[in-house]
Amino acid sequence: MSEQDTFWISVGEKFFGLILLIIGAILLYFTATSIELGGFIIFFGVLGVIILVLGVALLLFKPPE
């Protein structure tokens, strides 16, 4: 893989991680502020945390060279 390809893969990974981070944070916010979810609060809370952790992991980890 050339250096140019590695650069674009890294940029794409960081962009996708940022998008996941934003979606996870919004999901957690709306889950925490919604009373009418009932029993689904735990489900959407865990789902939001998983998406948030995936976003942070994509931002922190480096792709293989």
PDB file of N, CA and C in Angstrom:
ATOM      1  N   MET A   1       0.848  -1.174   0.000  1.00  0.00           N
ATOM      2  CA  MET A   1       0.000   0.000   0.000  1.00  0.00           C
ATOM      3  C   MET A   1       0.895   1.239   0.000  1.00  0.00           C
ATOM      4  N   SER A   2       0.580   2.164  -0.851  1.00  0.00           N
ATOM      5  CA  SER A   2       1.417   3.364  -0.937  1.00  0.00           C
ATOM      6  C   SER A   2       1.118   4.319   0.218  1.00  0.00           C
ATOM      7  N   GLU A   3       1.985   5.287   0.367  1.00  0.00           N
ATOM      8  CA  GLU A   3       1.821   6.257   1.453  1.00  0.00           C
ATOM      9  C   GLU A   3       0.565   7.104   1.240  1.00  0.00           C
ATOM     10  N   GLN A   4       0.220   7.379  -0.007  1.00  0.00           N
ATOM     11  CA  GLN A   4      -0.978   8.155  -0.327  1.00  0.00           C
ATOM     12  C   GLN A   4      -2.236   7.390   0.105  1.00  0.00           C
ATOM     13  N   ASP A   5      -2.262   6.080  -0.159  1.00  0.00           N
ATOM     14  CA  ASP A   5      -3.411   5.269   0.245  1.00  0.00           C
ATOM     15  C   ASP A   5      -3.550   5.225   1.764  1.00  0.00           C
ATOM     16  N   THR A   6      -2.432   5.077   2.459  1.00  0.00           N
ATOM     17  CA  THR A   6      -2.464   5.040   3.923  1.00  0.00           C
ATOM     18  C   THR A   6      -2.970   6.356   4.492  1.00  0.00           C
ATOM     19  N   PHE A   7      -2.606   7.464   3.872  1.00  0.00           N
ATOM     20  CA  PHE A   7      -3.083   8.768   4.337  1.00  0.00           C
ATOM     21  C   PHE A   7      -4.596   8.852   4.233  1.00  0.00           C
ATOM     22  N   TRP A   8      -5.166   8.461   3.106  1.00  0.00           N
ATOM     23  CA  TRP A   8      -6.613   8.571   2.921  1.00  0.00           C
ATOM     24  C   TRP A   8      -7.381   7.587   3.801  1.00  0.00           C
ATOM     25  N   ILE A   9      -6.811   6.423   4.040  1.00  0.00           N
ATOM     26  CA  ILE A   9      -7.452   5.471   4.953  1.00  0.00           C
ATOM     27  C   ILE A   9      -7.471   6.042   6.362  1.00  0.00           C
ATOM     28  N   SER A  10      -6.382   6.656   6.775  1.00  0.00           N
ATOM     29  CA  SER A  10      -6.303   7.268   8.099  1.00  0.00           C
ATOM     30  C   SER A  10      -7.299   8.423   8.237  1.00  0.00           C
ATOM     31  N   VAL A  11      -7.400   9.256   7.199  1.00  0.00           N
ATOM     32  CA  VAL A  11      -8.349  10.379   7.236  1.00  0.00           C
ATOM     33  C   VAL A  11      -9.781   9.858   7.298  1.00  0.00           C
ATOM     34  N   GLY A  12     -10.086   8.844   6.504  1.00  0.00           N
ATOM     35  CA  GLY A  12     -11.431   8.260   6.519  1.00  0.00           C
ATOM     36  C   GLY A  12     -11.771   7.641   7.860  1.00  0.00           C
ATOM     37  N   GLU A  13     -10.797   6.981   8.459  1.00  0.00           N
ATOM     38  CA  GLU A  13     -11.015   6.365   9.766  1.00  0.00           C
ATOM     39  C   GLU A  13     -11.283   7.424  10.835  1.00  0.00           C
ATOM     40  N   LYS A  14     -10.530   8.497  10.814  1.00  0.00           N
ATOM     41  CA  LYS A  14     -10.720   9.580  11.787  1.00  0.00           C
ATOM     42  C   LYS A  14     -12.072  10.264  11.586  1.00  0.00           C
ATOM     43  N   PHE A  15     -12.463  10.488  10.325  1.00  0.00           N
ATOM     44  CA  PHE A  15     -13.748  11.115  10.023  1.00  0.00           C
ATOM     45  C   PHE A  15     -14.905  10.229  10.484  1.00  0.00           C
ATOM     46  N   PHE A  16     -14.830   8.937  10.192  1.00  0.00           N
ATOM     47  CA  PHE A  16     -15.870   8.004  10.609  1.00  0.00           C
ATOM     48  C   PHE A  16     -15.932   7.912  12.133  1.00  0.00           C
ATOM     49  N   GLY A  17     -14.777   7.944  12.805  1.00  0.00           N
ATOM     50  CA  GLY A  17     -14.747   7.931  14.267  1.00  0.00           C
ATOM     51  C   GLY A  17     -15.396   9.171  14.853  1.00  0.00           C
ATOM     52  N   LEU A  18     -15.157  10.328  14.228  1.00  0.00           N
ATOM     53  CA  LEU A  18     -15.778  11.571  14.690  1.00  0.00           C
ATOM     54  C   LEU A  18     -17.301  11.524  14.517  1.00  0.00           C
ATOM     55  N   ILE A  19     -17.752  11.000  13.379  1.00  0.00           N
ATOM     56  CA  ILE A  19     -19.193  10.866  13.144  1.00  0.00           C
ATOM     57  C   ILE A  19     -19.818   9.933  14.187  1.00  0.00           C
ATOM     58  N   LEU A  20     -19.172   8.801  14.464  1.00  0.00           N
ATOM     59  CA  LEU A  20     -19.691   7.882  15.481  1.00  0.00           C
ATOM     60  C   LEU A  20     -19.701   8.519  16.865  1.00  0.00           C
ATOM     61  N   LEU A  21     -18.688   9.295  17.171  1.00  0.00           N
ATOM     62  CA  LEU A  21     -18.622   9.986  18.456  1.00  0.00           C
ATOM     63  C   LEU A  21     -19.789  10.953  18.609  1.00  0.00           C
ATOM     64  N   ILE A  22     -20.079  11.710  17.579  1.00  0.00           N
ATOM     65  CA  ILE A  22     -21.181  12.675  17.622  1.00  0.00           C
ATOM     66  C   ILE A  22     -22.525  11.951  17.737  1.00  0.00           C
ATOM     67  N   ILE A  23     -22.726  10.890  16.951  1.00  0.00           N
ATOM     68  CA  ILE A  23     -23.986  10.145  17.004  1.00  0.00           C
ATOM     69  C   ILE A  23     -24.168   9.500  18.371  1.00  0.00           C
ATOM     70  N   GLY A  24     -23.107   8.929  18.933  1.00  0.00           N
ATOM     71  CA  GLY A  24     -23.201   8.313  20.261  1.00  0.00           C
ATOM     72  C   GLY A  24     -23.525   9.328  21.342  1.00  0.00           C
ATOM     73  N   ALA A  25     -22.924  10.503  21.268  1.00  0.00           N
ATOM     74  CA  ALA A  25     -23.196  11.543  22.266  1.00  0.00           C
ATOM     75  C   ALA A  25     -24.637  12.047  22.152  1.00  0.00           C
ATOM     76  N   ILE A  26     -25.125  12.226  20.932  1.00  0.00           N
ATOM     77  CA  ILE A  26     -26.510  12.667  20.747  1.00  0.00           C
ATOM     78  C   ILE A  26     -27.482  11.600  21.232  1.00  0.00           C
ATOM     79  N   LEU A  27     -27.188  10.339  20.933  1.00  0.00           N
ATOM     80  CA  LEU A  27     -28.048   9.247  21.393  1.00  0.00           C
ATOM     81  C   LEU A  27     -28.090   9.181  22.914  1.00  0.00           C
ATOM     82  N   LEU A  28     -26.951   9.333  23.563  1.00  0.00           N
ATOM     83  CA  LEU A  28     -26.929   9.322  25.030  1.00  0.00           C
ATOM     84  C   LEU A  28     -27.685  10.512  25.613  1.00  0.00           C
ATOM     85  N   TYR A  29     -27.537  11.676  24.995  1.00  0.00           N
ATOM     86  CA  TYR A  29     -28.242  12.866  25.486  1.00  0.00           C
ATOM     87  C   TYR A  29     -29.753  12.682  25.413  1.00  0.00           C
ATOM     88  N   PHE A  30     -30.240  12.256  24.252  1.00  0.00           N
ATOM     89  CA  PHE A  30     -31.682  12.098  24.112  1.00  0.00           C
ATOM     90  C   PHE A  30     -32.221  10.932  24.932  1.00  0.00           C
ATOM     91  N   THR A  31     -31.408   9.910  25.159  1.00  0.00           N
ATOM     92  CA  THR A  31     -31.829   8.808  26.020  1.00  0.00           C
ATOM     93  C   THR A  31     -31.942   9.277  27.465  1.00  0.00           C
ATOM     94  N   ALA A  32     -31.007  10.095  27.906  1.00  0.00           N
ATOM     95  CA  ALA A  32     -31.014  10.563  29.295  1.00  0.00           C
ATOM     96  C   ALA A  32     -32.131  11.577  29.555  1.00  0.00           C
ATOM     97  N   THR A  33     -32.551  12.307  28.541  1.00  0.00           N
ATOM     98  CA  THR A  33     -33.557  13.351  28.749  1.00  0.00           C
ATOM     99  C   THR A  33     -34.958  12.920  28.373  1.00  0.00           C
ATOM    100  N   SER A  34     -35.147  11.683  27.890  1.00  0.00           N
ATOM    101  CA  SER A  34     -36.479  11.211  27.502  1.00  0.00           C
ATOM    102  C   SER A  34     -37.060  10.345  28.613  1.00  0.00           C
ATOM    103  N   ILE A  35     -38.199  10.754  29.111  1.00  0.00           N
ATOM    104  CA  ILE A  35     -38.878   9.997  30.165  1.00  0.00           C
ATOM    105  C   ILE A  35     -39.752   8.906  29.559  1.00  0.00           C
ATOM    106  N   GLU A  36     -40.330   9.152  28.392  1.00  0.00           N
ATOM    107  CA  GLU A  36     -41.318   8.241  27.822  1.00  0.00           C
ATOM    108  C   GLU A  36     -40.726   6.992  27.166  1.00  0.00           C
ATOM    109  N   LEU A  37     -39.427   6.757  27.281  1.00  0.00           N
ATOM    110  CA  LEU A  37     -38.843   5.548  26.719  1.00  0.00           C
ATOM    111  C   LEU A  37     -39.176   4.312  27.537  1.00  0.00           C
ATOM    112  N   GLY A  38     -39.474   4.483  28.793  1.00  0.00           N
ATOM    113  CA  GLY A  38     -39.858   3.355  29.634  1.00  0.00           C
ATOM    114  C   GLY A  38     -38.702   2.386  29.838  1.00  0.00           C
ATOM    115  N   GLY A  39     -38.951   1.126  29.499  1.00  0.00           N
ATOM    116  CA  GLY A  39     -37.948   0.083  29.699  1.00  0.00           C
ATOM    117  C   GLY A  39     -36.825   0.098  28.687  1.00  0.00           C
ATOM    118  N   PHE A  40     -36.955   0.903  27.657  1.00  0.00           N
ATOM    119  CA  PHE A  40     -35.935   0.936  26.618  1.00  0.00           C
ATOM    120  C   PHE A  40     -34.783   1.875  26.952  1.00  0.00           C
ATOM    121  N   ILE A  41     -34.827   2.540  28.094  1.00  0.00           N
ATOM    122  CA  ILE A  41     -33.755   3.458  28.480  1.00  0.00           C
ATOM    123  C   ILE A  41     -32.421   2.721  28.597  1.00  0.00           C
ATOM    124  N   ILE A  42     -32.439   1.548  29.190  1.00  0.00           N
ATOM    125  CA  ILE A  42     -31.202   0.769  29.355  1.00  0.00           C
ATOM    126  C   ILE A  42     -30.671   0.330  27.989  1.00  0.00           C
ATOM    127  N   PHE A  43     -31.563  -0.139  27.117  1.00  0.00           N
ATOM    128  CA  PHE A  43     -31.146  -0.596  25.790  1.00  0.00           C
ATOM    129  C   PHE A  43     -30.481   0.531  24.997  1.00  0.00           C
ATOM    130  N   PHE A  44     -31.145   1.688  24.918  1.00  0.00           N
ATOM    131  CA  PHE A  44     -30.589   2.788  24.148  1.00  0.00           C
ATOM    132  C   PHE A  44     -29.378   3.423  24.841  1.00  0.00           C
ATOM    133  N   GLY A  45     -29.323   3.361  26.159  1.00  0.00           N
ATOM    134  CA  GLY A  45     -28.156   3.853  26.882  1.00  0.00           C
ATOM    135  C   GLY A  45     -26.919   3.014  26.586  1.00  0.00           C
ATOM    136  N   VAL A  46     -27.074   1.703  26.623  1.00  0.00           N
ATOM    137  CA  VAL A  46     -25.954   0.801  26.317  1.00  0.00           C
ATOM    138  C   VAL A  46     -25.544   0.948  24.853  1.00  0.00           C
ATOM    139  N   LEU A  47     -26.519   1.065  23.964  1.00  0.00           N
ATOM    140  CA  LEU A  47     -26.221   1.251  22.547  1.00  0.00           C
ATOM    141  C   LEU A  47     -25.452   2.557  22.312  1.00  0.00           C
ATOM    142  N   GLY A  48     -25.834   3.620  23.007  1.00  0.00           N
ATOM    143  CA  GLY A  48     -25.132   4.887  22.895  1.00  0.00           C
ATOM    144  C   GLY A  48     -23.703   4.805  23.399  1.00  0.00           C
ATOM    145  N   VAL A  49     -23.499   4.099  24.497  1.00  0.00           N
ATOM    146  CA  VAL A  49     -22.148   3.945  25.045  1.00  0.00           C
ATOM    147  C   VAL A  49     -21.277   3.130  24.095  1.00  0.00           C
ATOM    148  N   ILE A  50     -21.838   2.079  23.494  1.00  0.00           N
ATOM    149  CA  ILE A  50     -21.065   1.260  22.555  1.00  0.00           C
ATOM    150  C   ILE A  50     -20.642   2.091  21.347  1.00  0.00           C
ATOM    151  N   ILE A  51     -21.564   2.874  20.792  1.00  0.00           N
ATOM    152  CA  ILE A  51     -21.240   3.718  19.640  1.00  0.00           C
ATOM    153  C   ILE A  51     -20.202   4.767  20.031  1.00  0.00           C
ATOM    154  N   LEU A  52     -20.343   5.328  21.216  1.00  0.00           N
ATOM    155  CA  LEU A  52     -19.383   6.327  21.690  1.00  0.00           C
ATOM    156  C   LEU A  52     -17.981   5.723  21.842  1.00  0.00           C
ATOM    157  N   VAL A  53     -17.891   4.544  22.406  1.00  0.00           N
ATOM    158  CA  VAL A  53     -16.592   3.881  22.592  1.00  0.00           C
ATOM    159  C   VAL A  53     -15.973   3.524  21.243  1.00  0.00           C
ATOM    160  N   LEU A  54     -16.779   3.069  20.288  1.00  0.00           N
ATOM    161  CA  LEU A  54     -16.253   2.771  18.958  1.00  0.00           C
ATOM    162  C   LEU A  54     -15.696   4.029  18.291  1.00  0.00           C
ATOM    163  N   GLY A  55     -16.392   5.150  18.448  1.00  0.00           N
ATOM    164  CA  GLY A  55     -15.909   6.398  17.885  1.00  0.00           C
ATOM    165  C   GLY A  55     -14.593   6.835  18.492  1.00  0.00           C
ATOM    166  N   VAL A  56     -14.479   6.730  19.810  1.00  0.00           N
ATOM    167  CA  VAL A  56     -13.226   7.097  20.486  1.00  0.00           C
ATOM    168  C   VAL A  56     -12.099   6.157  20.058  1.00  0.00           C
ATOM    169  N   ALA A  57     -12.411   4.870  19.927  1.00  0.00           N
ATOM    170  CA  ALA A  57     -11.382   3.911  19.515  1.00  0.00           C
ATOM    171  C   ALA A  57     -10.882   4.219  18.108  1.00  0.00           C
ATOM    172  N   LEU A  58     -11.792   4.569  17.198  1.00  0.00           N
ATOM    173  CA  LEU A  58     -11.367   4.903  15.843  1.00  0.00           C
ATOM    174  C   LEU A  58     -10.530   6.174  15.808  1.00  0.00           C
ATOM    175  N   LEU A  59     -10.805   7.090  16.710  1.00  0.00           N
ATOM    176  CA  LEU A  59     -10.008   8.317  16.756  1.00  0.00           C
ATOM    177  C   LEU A  59      -8.617   8.079  17.344  1.00  0.00           C
ATOM    178  N   LEU A  60      -8.497   7.145  18.275  1.00  0.00           N
ATOM    179  CA  LEU A  60      -7.230   6.952  18.975  1.00  0.00           C
ATOM    180  C   LEU A  60      -6.300   5.947  18.290  1.00  0.00           C
ATOM    181  N   PHE A  61      -6.855   4.907  17.689  1.00  0.00           N
ATOM    182  CA  PHE A  61      -6.014   3.851  17.118  1.00  0.00           C
ATOM    183  C   PHE A  61      -5.490   4.254  15.755  1.00  0.00           C
ATOM    184  N   LYS A  62      -4.282   3.788  15.450  1.00  0.00           N
ATOM    185  CA  LYS A  62      -3.665   4.056  14.154  1.00  0.00           C
ATOM    186  C   LYS A  62      -3.890   2.854  13.237  1.00  0.00           C
ATOM    187  N   PRO A  63      -4.124   3.100  11.961  1.00  0.00           N
ATOM    188  CA  PRO A  63      -4.232   1.958  11.037  1.00  0.00           C
ATOM    189  C   PRO A  63      -2.858   1.331  10.827  1.00  0.00           C
ATOM    190  N   PRO A  64      -2.812   0.053  10.475  1.00  0.00           N
ATOM    191  CA  PRO A  64      -1.506  -0.585  10.238  1.00  0.00           C
ATOM    192  C   PRO A  64      -0.802   0.028   9.044  1.00  0.00           C
ATOM    193  N   GLU A  65       0.488   0.128   9.140  1.00  0.00           N
ATOM    194  CA  GLU A  65       1.305   0.737   8.071  1.00  0.00           C
ATOM    195  C   GLU A  65       1.515  -0.228   6.934  1.00  0.00           C
TER     196      GLU A  65
END
